[in-house]
N, C-alpha and C. Protein backbone atom coordinates (compact mmCIF):
# COMPACT_ATOMS: atom_id res chain seq x y z
N UNK A 1 0.85 -1.19 0.00
CA UNK A 1 0.00 0.00 0.00
C UNK A 1 0.89 1.24 0.00
N UNK A 2 0.53 2.23 -0.81
CA UNK A 2 1.38 3.43 -0.90
C UNK A 2 1.27 4.27 0.36
N UNK A 3 2.29 5.15 0.52
CA UNK A 3 2.32 6.01 1.70
C UNK A 3 1.13 6.98 1.72
N UNK A 4 0.77 7.48 0.53
CA UNK A 4 -0.35 8.43 0.45
C UNK A 4 -1.64 7.75 0.91
N UNK A 5 -1.87 6.50 0.50
CA UNK A 5 -3.09 5.81 0.91
C UNK A 5 -3.05 5.49 2.41
N UNK A 6 -1.87 5.15 2.91
CA UNK A 6 -1.74 4.91 4.36
C UNK A 6 -2.09 6.18 5.12
N UNK A 7 -1.62 7.31 4.64
CA UNK A 7 -1.91 8.58 5.30
C UNK A 7 -3.40 8.85 5.32
N UNK A 8 -4.09 8.57 4.22
CA UNK A 8 -5.54 8.76 4.17
C UNK A 8 -6.24 7.82 5.15
N UNK A 9 -5.77 6.58 5.19
CA UNK A 9 -6.38 5.61 6.11
C UNK A 9 -6.14 6.02 7.56
N UNK A 10 -4.96 6.49 7.85
CA UNK A 10 -4.64 6.93 9.20
C UNK A 10 -5.49 8.15 9.58
N UNK A 11 -5.66 9.03 8.60
CA UNK A 11 -6.47 10.23 8.86
C UNK A 11 -7.91 9.84 9.14
N UNK A 12 -8.43 8.86 8.38
CA UNK A 12 -9.80 8.41 8.59
C UNK A 12 -9.97 7.77 9.98
N UNK A 13 -8.97 6.96 10.34
CA UNK A 13 -9.02 6.31 11.65
C UNK A 13 -8.98 7.34 12.78
N UNK A 14 -8.15 8.37 12.60
CA UNK A 14 -8.05 9.43 13.60
C UNK A 14 -9.38 10.17 13.75
N UNK A 15 -10.05 10.44 12.63
CA UNK A 15 -11.35 11.13 12.68
C UNK A 15 -12.40 10.28 13.41
N UNK A 16 -12.38 8.99 13.12
CA UNK A 16 -13.36 8.10 13.74
C UNK A 16 -13.13 7.99 15.25
N UNK A 17 -11.88 8.22 15.68
CA UNK A 17 -11.56 8.15 17.11
C UNK A 17 -12.02 9.39 17.86
N UNK A 18 -12.33 10.46 17.13
CA UNK A 18 -12.77 11.71 17.77
C UNK A 18 -14.20 11.58 18.27
N UNK A 19 -14.52 12.37 19.28
CA UNK A 19 -15.90 12.41 19.75
C UNK A 19 -16.75 13.12 18.69
N UNK A 20 -18.07 12.90 18.69
CA UNK A 20 -18.93 13.55 17.68
C UNK A 20 -18.78 15.08 17.65
N UNK A 21 -18.64 15.71 18.80
CA UNK A 21 -18.47 17.17 18.84
C UNK A 21 -17.16 17.61 18.22
N UNK A 22 -16.07 16.88 18.54
CA UNK A 22 -14.77 17.20 17.96
C UNK A 22 -14.76 16.96 16.46
N UNK A 23 -15.42 15.89 16.02
CA UNK A 23 -15.51 15.56 14.60
C UNK A 23 -16.25 16.67 13.85
N UNK A 24 -17.34 17.18 14.42
CA UNK A 24 -18.11 18.27 13.80
C UNK A 24 -17.26 19.53 13.68
N UNK A 25 -16.50 19.84 14.76
CA UNK A 25 -15.63 21.02 14.70
C UNK A 25 -14.55 20.87 13.63
N UNK A 26 -13.96 19.67 13.54
CA UNK A 26 -12.92 19.42 12.54
C UNK A 26 -13.50 19.57 11.13
N UNK A 27 -14.69 19.02 10.89
CA UNK A 27 -15.33 19.11 9.57
C UNK A 27 -15.67 20.57 9.24
N UNK A 28 -16.15 21.31 10.24
CA UNK A 28 -16.45 22.72 10.03
C UNK A 28 -15.18 23.50 9.69
N UNK A 29 -14.11 23.22 10.42
CA UNK A 29 -12.82 23.88 10.17
C UNK A 29 -12.34 23.57 8.74
N UNK A 30 -12.41 22.29 8.33
CA UNK A 30 -11.99 21.91 6.97
C UNK A 30 -12.86 22.61 5.91
N UNK A 31 -14.16 22.67 6.18
CA UNK A 31 -15.08 23.33 5.25
C UNK A 31 -14.76 24.82 5.12
N UNK A 32 -14.50 25.49 6.28
CA UNK A 32 -14.15 26.91 6.25
C UNK A 32 -12.83 27.17 5.52
N UNK A 33 -11.86 26.26 5.69
CA UNK A 33 -10.60 26.40 4.95
C UNK A 33 -10.84 26.33 3.44
N UNK A 34 -11.65 25.38 3.02
CA UNK A 34 -11.96 25.24 1.59
C UNK A 34 -12.70 26.47 1.07
N UNK A 35 -13.64 26.98 1.86
CA UNK A 35 -14.39 28.17 1.47
C UNK A 35 -13.47 29.39 1.33
N UNK A 36 -12.56 29.56 2.29
CA UNK A 36 -11.61 30.70 2.22
C UNK A 36 -10.69 30.58 1.00
N UNK A 37 -10.22 29.38 0.70
CA UNK A 37 -9.37 29.18 -0.49
C UNK A 37 -10.15 29.53 -1.76
N UNK A 38 -11.42 29.12 -1.83
CA UNK A 38 -12.24 29.43 -3.01
C UNK A 38 -12.47 30.93 -3.13
N UNK A 39 -12.74 31.61 -2.00
CA UNK A 39 -12.95 33.06 -2.02
C UNK A 39 -11.69 33.81 -2.47
N UNK A 40 -10.54 33.40 -1.95
CA UNK A 40 -9.28 34.04 -2.35
C UNK A 40 -9.04 33.84 -3.83
N UNK A 41 -9.29 32.62 -4.33
CA UNK A 41 -9.13 32.35 -5.75
C UNK A 41 -10.04 33.25 -6.59
N UNK A 42 -11.31 33.39 -6.18
CA UNK A 42 -12.27 34.23 -6.91
C UNK A 42 -11.84 35.70 -6.90
N UNK A 43 -11.38 36.19 -5.76
CA UNK A 43 -10.94 37.58 -5.68
C UNK A 43 -9.76 37.82 -6.61
N UNK A 44 -8.78 36.93 -6.61
CA UNK A 44 -7.63 37.07 -7.49
C UNK A 44 -8.04 36.97 -8.95
N UNK A 45 -8.92 36.03 -9.27
CA UNK A 45 -9.39 35.84 -10.64
C UNK A 45 -10.09 37.10 -11.15
N UNK A 46 -11.03 37.64 -10.34
CA UNK A 46 -11.80 38.80 -10.79
C UNK A 46 -11.05 40.11 -10.64
N UNK A 47 -9.92 40.12 -9.94
CA UNK A 47 -9.11 41.34 -9.82
C UNK A 47 -8.07 41.45 -10.92
N UNK A 48 -7.49 40.31 -11.31
CA UNK A 48 -6.35 40.36 -12.22
C UNK A 48 -6.56 39.68 -13.56
N UNK A 49 -7.59 38.87 -13.72
CA UNK A 49 -7.75 38.13 -14.97
C UNK A 49 -9.02 38.53 -15.71
N UNK A 50 -10.17 38.46 -15.04
CA UNK A 50 -11.43 38.80 -15.71
C UNK A 50 -12.24 39.78 -14.86
N UNK A 51 -13.14 40.49 -15.53
CA UNK A 51 -14.04 41.41 -14.85
C UNK A 51 -15.45 41.19 -15.39
N UNK A 52 -16.43 41.52 -14.58
CA UNK A 52 -17.81 41.58 -15.04
C UNK A 52 -18.20 43.05 -15.06
N UNK A 53 -18.67 43.52 -16.22
CA UNK A 53 -19.01 44.93 -16.38
C UNK A 53 -20.41 45.03 -16.97
N UNK A 54 -21.21 45.97 -16.45
CA UNK A 54 -22.58 46.19 -16.92
C UNK A 54 -22.60 47.15 -18.10
N UNK A 55 -23.55 46.93 -19.01
CA UNK A 55 -23.78 47.84 -20.12
C UNK A 55 -24.80 48.88 -19.68
N UNK A 56 -24.48 50.14 -19.96
CA UNK A 56 -25.40 51.22 -19.66
C UNK A 56 -25.58 52.05 -20.93
N UNK A 57 -26.81 52.13 -21.41
CA UNK A 57 -27.08 52.94 -22.60
C UNK A 57 -27.20 52.12 -23.87
N UNK A 58 -27.69 52.77 -24.95
CA UNK A 58 -27.99 52.07 -26.20
C UNK A 58 -26.89 52.13 -27.27
N UNK A 59 -25.70 52.63 -26.95
CA UNK A 59 -24.71 52.90 -28.00
C UNK A 59 -24.15 51.66 -28.70
N UNK A 60 -24.35 50.47 -28.11
CA UNK A 60 -23.83 49.26 -28.76
C UNK A 60 -24.93 48.34 -29.28
N UNK A 61 -26.20 48.82 -29.29
CA UNK A 61 -27.28 48.03 -29.91
C UNK A 61 -26.95 47.85 -31.39
N UNK A 62 -27.19 46.73 -32.00
CA UNK A 62 -27.88 45.53 -31.52
C UNK A 62 -26.95 44.47 -30.94
N UNK A 63 -25.65 44.76 -30.80
CA UNK A 63 -24.72 43.77 -30.26
C UNK A 63 -24.90 43.59 -28.76
N UNK A 64 -25.00 44.70 -28.03
CA UNK A 64 -25.15 44.70 -26.58
C UNK A 64 -26.32 45.58 -26.19
N UNK A 65 -26.97 45.23 -25.08
CA UNK A 65 -28.13 45.99 -24.62
C UNK A 65 -27.97 46.42 -23.17
N UNK A 66 -28.68 47.47 -22.82
CA UNK A 66 -28.73 47.97 -21.44
C UNK A 66 -28.99 46.81 -20.49
N UNK A 67 -28.18 46.72 -19.44
CA UNK A 67 -28.37 45.68 -18.43
C UNK A 67 -27.59 44.40 -18.68
N UNK A 68 -27.01 44.24 -19.89
CA UNK A 68 -26.17 43.06 -20.12
C UNK A 68 -24.96 43.10 -19.19
N UNK A 69 -24.55 41.95 -18.69
CA UNK A 69 -23.30 41.84 -17.94
C UNK A 69 -22.28 41.17 -18.87
N UNK A 70 -21.10 41.80 -18.96
CA UNK A 70 -20.09 41.37 -19.91
C UNK A 70 -18.90 40.74 -19.21
N UNK A 71 -18.36 39.69 -19.82
CA UNK A 71 -17.13 39.07 -19.35
C UNK A 71 -15.99 39.73 -20.11
N UNK A 72 -15.10 40.39 -19.37
CA UNK A 72 -14.04 41.21 -19.95
C UNK A 72 -12.69 40.76 -19.40
N UNK A 73 -11.67 40.72 -20.26
CA UNK A 73 -10.32 40.39 -19.80
C UNK A 73 -9.29 41.19 -20.60
N UNK A 74 -8.20 41.54 -19.92
CA UNK A 74 -7.09 42.22 -20.61
C UNK A 74 -5.83 41.36 -20.60
N UNK A 75 -5.96 40.10 -20.20
CA UNK A 75 -4.81 39.21 -20.10
C UNK A 75 -4.23 38.95 -21.48
N UNK A 76 -2.97 39.37 -21.69
CA UNK A 76 -2.26 39.21 -22.96
C UNK A 76 -3.02 39.82 -24.13
N UNK A 77 -3.75 40.91 -23.90
CA UNK A 77 -4.59 41.49 -24.96
C UNK A 77 -3.90 42.61 -25.70
N UNK A 78 -3.98 42.55 -27.04
CA UNK A 78 -3.52 43.62 -27.94
C UNK A 78 -4.69 43.94 -28.85
N UNK A 79 -5.18 45.20 -28.84
CA UNK A 79 -6.37 45.54 -29.63
C UNK A 79 -6.20 45.31 -31.12
N UNK A 80 -7.30 44.84 -31.73
CA UNK A 80 -7.33 44.71 -33.19
C UNK A 80 -8.70 45.11 -33.69
N UNK A 81 -8.77 45.48 -34.95
CA UNK A 81 -10.02 45.93 -35.56
C UNK A 81 -11.09 44.86 -35.42
N UNK A 82 -12.29 45.29 -35.05
CA UNK A 82 -13.42 44.40 -34.88
C UNK A 82 -13.68 44.02 -33.43
N UNK A 83 -12.69 44.17 -32.56
CA UNK A 83 -12.87 43.83 -31.14
C UNK A 83 -13.81 44.82 -30.46
N UNK A 84 -14.61 44.32 -29.53
CA UNK A 84 -15.42 45.18 -28.66
C UNK A 84 -14.62 45.33 -27.37
N UNK A 85 -14.37 46.59 -26.97
CA UNK A 85 -13.51 46.84 -25.82
C UNK A 85 -14.19 47.75 -24.80
N UNK A 86 -13.68 47.67 -23.57
CA UNK A 86 -14.08 48.56 -22.48
C UNK A 86 -12.89 49.48 -22.23
N UNK A 87 -13.14 50.79 -22.12
CA UNK A 87 -12.05 51.73 -21.88
C UNK A 87 -12.55 52.91 -21.06
N UNK A 88 -11.60 53.70 -20.59
CA UNK A 88 -11.93 54.94 -19.89
C UNK A 88 -11.39 56.10 -20.69
N UNK A 89 -12.04 57.25 -20.54
CA UNK A 89 -11.61 58.47 -21.21
C UNK A 89 -11.60 59.60 -20.19
N UNK A 90 -10.40 60.08 -19.87
CA UNK A 90 -10.27 61.15 -18.87
C UNK A 90 -10.98 62.43 -19.30
N UNK A 91 -11.00 62.72 -20.59
CA UNK A 91 -11.61 63.96 -21.08
C UNK A 91 -13.14 63.89 -21.12
N UNK A 92 -13.70 62.69 -21.27
CA UNK A 92 -15.15 62.56 -21.40
C UNK A 92 -15.81 62.37 -20.04
N UNK A 93 -15.50 61.30 -19.35
CA UNK A 93 -16.04 61.04 -18.01
C UNK A 93 -15.11 60.03 -17.33
N UNK A 94 -14.16 60.52 -16.53
CA UNK A 94 -13.15 59.63 -15.95
C UNK A 94 -13.71 58.57 -15.01
N UNK A 95 -14.94 58.73 -14.54
CA UNK A 95 -15.53 57.76 -13.61
C UNK A 95 -16.37 56.70 -14.31
N UNK A 96 -16.45 56.77 -15.63
CA UNK A 96 -17.33 55.88 -16.38
C UNK A 96 -16.54 55.09 -17.40
N UNK A 97 -16.75 53.78 -17.43
CA UNK A 97 -16.15 52.93 -18.47
C UNK A 97 -17.09 52.92 -19.67
N UNK A 98 -16.51 52.99 -20.85
CA UNK A 98 -17.28 53.00 -22.09
C UNK A 98 -17.03 51.70 -22.85
N UNK A 99 -18.04 51.27 -23.60
CA UNK A 99 -17.89 50.06 -24.43
C UNK A 99 -18.13 50.46 -25.89
N UNK A 100 -17.16 50.13 -26.75
CA UNK A 100 -17.23 50.46 -28.17
C UNK A 100 -16.49 49.40 -28.97
N UNK A 101 -16.59 49.49 -30.30
CA UNK A 101 -15.91 48.56 -31.19
C UNK A 101 -14.69 49.24 -31.80
N UNK A 102 -13.55 48.54 -31.81
CA UNK A 102 -12.34 49.05 -32.46
C UNK A 102 -12.55 48.96 -33.97
N UNK A 103 -12.38 50.11 -34.64
CA UNK A 103 -12.55 50.17 -36.09
C UNK A 103 -11.19 50.24 -36.78
N UNK A 104 -10.23 50.91 -36.14
CA UNK A 104 -8.89 51.05 -36.73
C UNK A 104 -7.85 51.09 -35.63
N UNK A 105 -6.65 50.63 -35.96
CA UNK A 105 -5.54 50.63 -35.01
C UNK A 105 -4.44 51.56 -35.51
N UNK A 106 -3.36 51.67 -34.73
CA UNK A 106 -2.30 52.64 -35.03
C UNK A 106 -1.82 52.55 -36.48
N UNK A 107 -1.64 53.75 -37.06
CA UNK A 107 -1.14 53.85 -38.43
C UNK A 107 -2.20 53.77 -39.50
N UNK A 108 -3.41 53.35 -39.15
CA UNK A 108 -4.47 53.26 -40.15
C UNK A 108 -5.18 54.61 -40.30
N UNK A 109 -5.69 54.86 -41.50
CA UNK A 109 -6.40 56.10 -41.79
C UNK A 109 -7.91 55.84 -41.80
N UNK A 110 -8.65 56.67 -41.07
CA UNK A 110 -10.10 56.55 -40.99
C UNK A 110 -10.75 57.75 -41.65
N UNK A 111 -11.75 57.47 -42.48
CA UNK A 111 -12.56 58.54 -43.05
C UNK A 111 -14.00 58.04 -43.08
N UNK A 112 -14.95 58.96 -42.99
CA UNK A 112 -16.36 58.58 -42.98
C UNK A 112 -17.13 59.43 -43.98
N UNK A 113 -17.86 58.76 -44.85
CA UNK A 113 -18.76 59.43 -45.80
C UNK A 113 -20.12 59.50 -45.11
N UNK A 114 -20.40 60.65 -44.50
CA UNK A 114 -21.63 60.78 -43.71
C UNK A 114 -22.88 60.86 -44.58
N UNK A 115 -22.73 61.28 -45.80
CA UNK A 115 -23.88 61.35 -46.70
C UNK A 115 -24.41 59.95 -47.02
N UNK A 116 -23.49 59.01 -47.24
CA UNK A 116 -23.88 57.64 -47.56
C UNK A 116 -23.76 56.69 -46.37
N UNK A 117 -23.21 57.19 -45.25
CA UNK A 117 -23.11 56.40 -44.03
C UNK A 117 -22.05 55.31 -44.07
N UNK A 118 -20.96 55.52 -44.81
CA UNK A 118 -19.94 54.49 -44.98
C UNK A 118 -18.65 54.88 -44.27
N UNK A 119 -18.09 53.93 -43.52
CA UNK A 119 -16.80 54.13 -42.84
C UNK A 119 -15.70 53.50 -43.71
N UNK A 120 -14.64 54.27 -43.91
CA UNK A 120 -13.50 53.79 -44.70
C UNK A 120 -12.27 53.69 -43.80
N UNK A 121 -11.54 52.58 -43.93
CA UNK A 121 -10.25 52.42 -43.25
C UNK A 121 -9.22 52.13 -44.33
N UNK A 122 -8.20 52.98 -44.38
CA UNK A 122 -7.16 52.90 -45.42
C UNK A 122 -7.77 52.88 -46.82
N UNK A 123 -8.83 53.70 -46.99
CA UNK A 123 -9.47 53.85 -48.30
C UNK A 123 -10.45 52.76 -48.67
N UNK A 124 -10.58 51.73 -47.84
CA UNK A 124 -11.49 50.62 -48.13
C UNK A 124 -12.76 50.72 -47.28
N UNK A 125 -13.95 50.57 -47.90
CA UNK A 125 -15.17 50.62 -47.09
C UNK A 125 -15.28 49.38 -46.20
N UNK A 126 -15.72 49.59 -44.97
CA UNK A 126 -15.89 48.46 -44.04
C UNK A 126 -17.24 47.79 -44.30
N UNK A 127 -17.24 46.47 -44.27
CA UNK A 127 -18.50 45.72 -44.30
C UNK A 127 -18.92 45.52 -42.85
N UNK A 128 -19.88 46.32 -42.40
CA UNK A 128 -20.30 46.29 -41.00
C UNK A 128 -21.72 45.76 -40.83
N UNK A 129 -22.22 45.09 -41.87
CA UNK A 129 -23.61 44.63 -41.84
C UNK A 129 -23.89 43.63 -40.71
N UNK A 130 -22.87 42.94 -40.22
CA UNK A 130 -23.08 41.93 -39.17
C UNK A 130 -23.33 42.54 -37.80
N UNK A 131 -22.97 43.82 -37.59
CA UNK A 131 -23.09 44.36 -36.24
C UNK A 131 -23.63 45.79 -36.14
N UNK A 132 -23.68 46.55 -37.20
CA UNK A 132 -24.11 47.95 -37.11
C UNK A 132 -25.63 48.05 -37.22
N UNK A 133 -26.23 48.87 -36.35
CA UNK A 133 -27.68 49.06 -36.34
C UNK A 133 -28.15 49.80 -37.59
N UNK A 134 -27.39 50.80 -38.01
CA UNK A 134 -27.75 51.60 -39.19
C UNK A 134 -26.49 52.29 -39.69
N UNK A 135 -26.50 52.78 -40.93
CA UNK A 135 -25.32 53.45 -41.47
C UNK A 135 -24.89 54.65 -40.61
N UNK A 136 -23.65 55.08 -40.78
CA UNK A 136 -23.07 56.15 -39.97
C UNK A 136 -23.38 57.51 -40.58
N UNK A 137 -24.50 58.11 -40.15
CA UNK A 137 -24.89 59.42 -40.65
C UNK A 137 -24.52 60.55 -39.70
N UNK A 138 -24.38 60.24 -38.41
CA UNK A 138 -24.11 61.26 -37.40
C UNK A 138 -22.62 61.61 -37.38
N UNK A 139 -22.32 62.89 -37.62
CA UNK A 139 -20.94 63.34 -37.73
C UNK A 139 -20.31 63.67 -36.38
N UNK A 140 -21.11 64.10 -35.42
CA UNK A 140 -20.61 64.69 -34.17
C UNK A 140 -19.65 65.80 -34.56
N UNK A 141 -18.38 65.78 -34.10
CA UNK A 141 -17.47 66.84 -34.57
C UNK A 141 -16.26 66.26 -35.30
N UNK A 142 -16.47 65.13 -35.95
CA UNK A 142 -15.40 64.45 -36.69
C UNK A 142 -15.08 65.20 -37.99
N UNK A 143 -13.82 65.43 -38.23
CA UNK A 143 -13.35 65.98 -39.51
C UNK A 143 -12.24 65.04 -39.97
N UNK A 144 -12.47 64.39 -41.10
CA UNK A 144 -11.50 63.40 -41.57
C UNK A 144 -10.93 63.77 -42.91
N UNK A 145 -10.03 62.96 -43.40
CA UNK A 145 -9.57 61.72 -42.81
C UNK A 145 -8.61 61.96 -41.63
N UNK A 146 -8.52 60.94 -40.76
CA UNK A 146 -7.62 61.01 -39.61
C UNK A 146 -6.78 59.73 -39.56
N UNK A 147 -5.51 59.89 -39.22
CA UNK A 147 -4.63 58.75 -39.04
C UNK A 147 -4.52 58.44 -37.55
N UNK A 148 -4.68 57.17 -37.21
CA UNK A 148 -4.64 56.76 -35.81
C UNK A 148 -3.19 56.81 -35.33
N UNK A 149 -2.92 57.59 -34.26
CA UNK A 149 -1.55 57.69 -33.74
C UNK A 149 -1.04 56.38 -33.15
N UNK A 150 0.25 56.30 -32.97
CA UNK A 150 0.88 55.13 -32.36
C UNK A 150 0.33 54.91 -30.95
N UNK A 151 0.03 53.66 -30.63
CA UNK A 151 -0.46 53.31 -29.29
C UNK A 151 -1.91 53.68 -29.06
N UNK A 152 -2.66 53.96 -30.13
CA UNK A 152 -4.07 54.35 -30.00
C UNK A 152 -4.96 53.51 -30.91
N UNK A 153 -6.27 53.60 -30.67
CA UNK A 153 -7.26 52.98 -31.55
C UNK A 153 -8.39 53.97 -31.80
N UNK A 154 -9.10 53.75 -32.89
CA UNK A 154 -10.29 54.54 -33.23
C UNK A 154 -11.48 53.63 -32.99
N UNK A 155 -12.45 54.09 -32.17
CA UNK A 155 -13.59 53.26 -31.79
C UNK A 155 -14.91 53.91 -32.21
N UNK A 156 -15.89 53.07 -32.50
CA UNK A 156 -17.25 53.51 -32.81
C UNK A 156 -18.24 52.60 -32.10
N UNK A 157 -19.38 53.15 -31.72
CA UNK A 157 -20.46 52.32 -31.18
C UNK A 157 -21.20 51.66 -32.33
N UNK A 158 -21.79 50.49 -32.10
CA UNK A 158 -22.53 49.79 -33.16
C UNK A 158 -23.83 50.50 -33.50
N UNK A 159 -24.38 51.25 -32.55
CA UNK A 159 -25.57 52.05 -32.80
C UNK A 159 -25.08 53.45 -33.17
N UNK A 160 -24.57 53.58 -34.38
CA UNK A 160 -23.77 54.72 -34.80
C UNK A 160 -24.40 56.09 -34.58
N UNK A 161 -25.68 56.21 -34.72
CA UNK A 161 -26.30 57.52 -34.61
C UNK A 161 -26.79 57.83 -33.20
N UNK A 162 -26.45 56.94 -32.25
CA UNK A 162 -26.75 57.17 -30.83
C UNK A 162 -25.53 56.83 -30.00
N UNK A 163 -24.35 57.21 -30.45
CA UNK A 163 -23.13 56.83 -29.76
C UNK A 163 -22.16 58.00 -29.70
N UNK A 164 -21.57 58.20 -28.52
CA UNK A 164 -20.44 59.11 -28.36
C UNK A 164 -19.20 58.24 -28.43
N UNK A 165 -18.35 58.49 -29.41
CA UNK A 165 -17.19 57.62 -29.65
C UNK A 165 -16.05 58.45 -30.21
N UNK A 166 -15.16 57.87 -31.00
CA UNK A 166 -13.98 58.60 -31.50
C UNK A 166 -14.34 59.73 -32.45
N UNK A 167 -15.58 59.80 -32.92
CA UNK A 167 -16.01 60.96 -33.73
C UNK A 167 -16.16 62.20 -32.87
N UNK A 168 -16.29 62.01 -31.57
CA UNK A 168 -16.52 63.10 -30.63
C UNK A 168 -15.18 63.52 -30.04
N UNK A 169 -14.84 64.80 -30.14
CA UNK A 169 -13.49 65.27 -29.77
C UNK A 169 -13.14 65.01 -28.30
N UNK A 170 -14.12 64.94 -27.40
CA UNK A 170 -13.81 64.67 -26.00
C UNK A 170 -13.36 63.22 -25.77
N UNK A 171 -13.66 62.35 -26.71
CA UNK A 171 -13.18 60.97 -26.63
C UNK A 171 -12.01 60.80 -27.60
N UNK A 172 -12.23 61.09 -28.88
CA UNK A 172 -11.17 61.03 -29.87
C UNK A 172 -10.49 59.67 -29.95
N UNK A 173 -9.22 59.69 -30.29
CA UNK A 173 -8.44 58.45 -30.37
C UNK A 173 -8.24 57.92 -28.95
N UNK A 174 -8.41 56.63 -28.76
CA UNK A 174 -8.31 56.03 -27.43
C UNK A 174 -6.92 55.44 -27.24
N UNK A 175 -6.25 55.90 -26.20
CA UNK A 175 -4.94 55.38 -25.84
C UNK A 175 -5.11 53.93 -25.39
N UNK A 176 -4.31 53.02 -25.95
CA UNK A 176 -4.43 51.60 -25.60
C UNK A 176 -4.24 51.36 -24.11
N UNK A 177 -3.50 52.22 -23.43
CA UNK A 177 -3.30 52.05 -21.99
C UNK A 177 -4.57 52.30 -21.21
N UNK A 178 -5.57 52.95 -21.82
CA UNK A 178 -6.84 53.22 -21.15
C UNK A 178 -7.86 52.10 -21.38
N UNK A 179 -7.48 51.09 -22.18
CA UNK A 179 -8.39 49.97 -22.44
C UNK A 179 -8.33 49.00 -21.26
N UNK A 180 -9.49 48.74 -20.67
CA UNK A 180 -9.59 47.83 -19.52
C UNK A 180 -9.63 46.37 -19.97
N UNK A 181 -10.01 46.13 -21.22
CA UNK A 181 -10.02 44.77 -21.72
C UNK A 181 -10.97 44.58 -22.88
N UNK A 182 -10.90 43.40 -23.43
CA UNK A 182 -11.76 43.00 -24.54
C UNK A 182 -13.00 42.32 -23.98
N UNK A 183 -14.16 42.58 -24.59
CA UNK A 183 -15.40 41.91 -24.22
C UNK A 183 -15.43 40.56 -24.93
N UNK A 184 -15.56 39.48 -24.13
CA UNK A 184 -15.58 38.14 -24.71
C UNK A 184 -16.98 37.55 -24.79
N UNK A 185 -17.85 37.91 -23.83
CA UNK A 185 -19.17 37.29 -23.82
C UNK A 185 -20.17 38.12 -23.03
N UNK A 186 -21.44 37.96 -23.38
CA UNK A 186 -22.55 38.45 -22.56
C UNK A 186 -22.89 37.28 -21.65
N UNK A 187 -22.78 37.46 -20.33
CA UNK A 187 -23.03 36.35 -19.40
C UNK A 187 -24.32 36.50 -18.61
N UNK A 188 -24.97 37.66 -18.72
CA UNK A 188 -26.24 37.87 -18.03
C UNK A 188 -27.06 38.88 -18.82
N UNK A 189 -28.36 38.70 -18.96
CA UNK A 189 -29.16 37.59 -18.47
C UNK A 189 -28.71 36.26 -19.11
N UNK A 190 -28.84 35.17 -18.34
CA UNK A 190 -28.37 33.88 -18.79
C UNK A 190 -29.01 33.45 -20.09
N UNK A 191 -30.28 33.83 -20.29
CA UNK A 191 -31.00 33.45 -21.52
C UNK A 191 -30.41 34.14 -22.75
N UNK A 192 -29.61 35.21 -22.54
CA UNK A 192 -29.02 35.94 -23.66
C UNK A 192 -27.52 35.69 -23.79
N UNK A 193 -27.01 34.62 -23.14
CA UNK A 193 -25.57 34.33 -23.23
C UNK A 193 -25.16 34.24 -24.68
N UNK A 194 -24.05 34.91 -25.01
CA UNK A 194 -23.48 34.78 -26.36
C UNK A 194 -22.03 35.24 -26.32
N UNK A 195 -21.24 34.71 -27.24
CA UNK A 195 -19.88 35.18 -27.45
C UNK A 195 -19.96 36.44 -28.26
N UNK A 196 -19.16 37.44 -27.93
CA UNK A 196 -19.20 38.73 -28.63
C UNK A 196 -18.14 38.74 -29.71
N UNK A 197 -18.56 39.07 -30.91
CA UNK A 197 -17.64 39.16 -32.05
C UNK A 197 -17.72 40.53 -32.66
């Protein structure tokens, strides 16, 4: 018989030798230890690896809706076009996290034809039919074309005509260091679970 199995057998024999009150205390102590380990694991997981963030407002309809809870992570994340991200903007509202879609990354040129509602990146029109609520007619204070600076991204809400995003000078180009993470999934309400693309 292996030493590990002997240890388990000895431990079982020791427990059986305890009085019922001592056995209950030992089981409670073991249960509390397991609970504390699980709580510490959850705190570390939700502090450093993933976050749950609520959606507020209609700017990402039809992809995301008011009240959705999002699973977000920044672990080994580098922004790329098409990603839905959570970020902060000191000039717009430093206490509020915003959710938008990355349309262009550093070095790319963005221009928008507001008359026809078409977004161009590096002179090519984007096919946004899979996620945009309607064409981009709202200009805000955008004057293009604009080249995305190094270490920044250009973001737009999927509900283009009801979104404050990089077209608005108070948000503008988003510094990658202000990105809290990429949105991976809608996790609540449970009936609306989906992976976000």
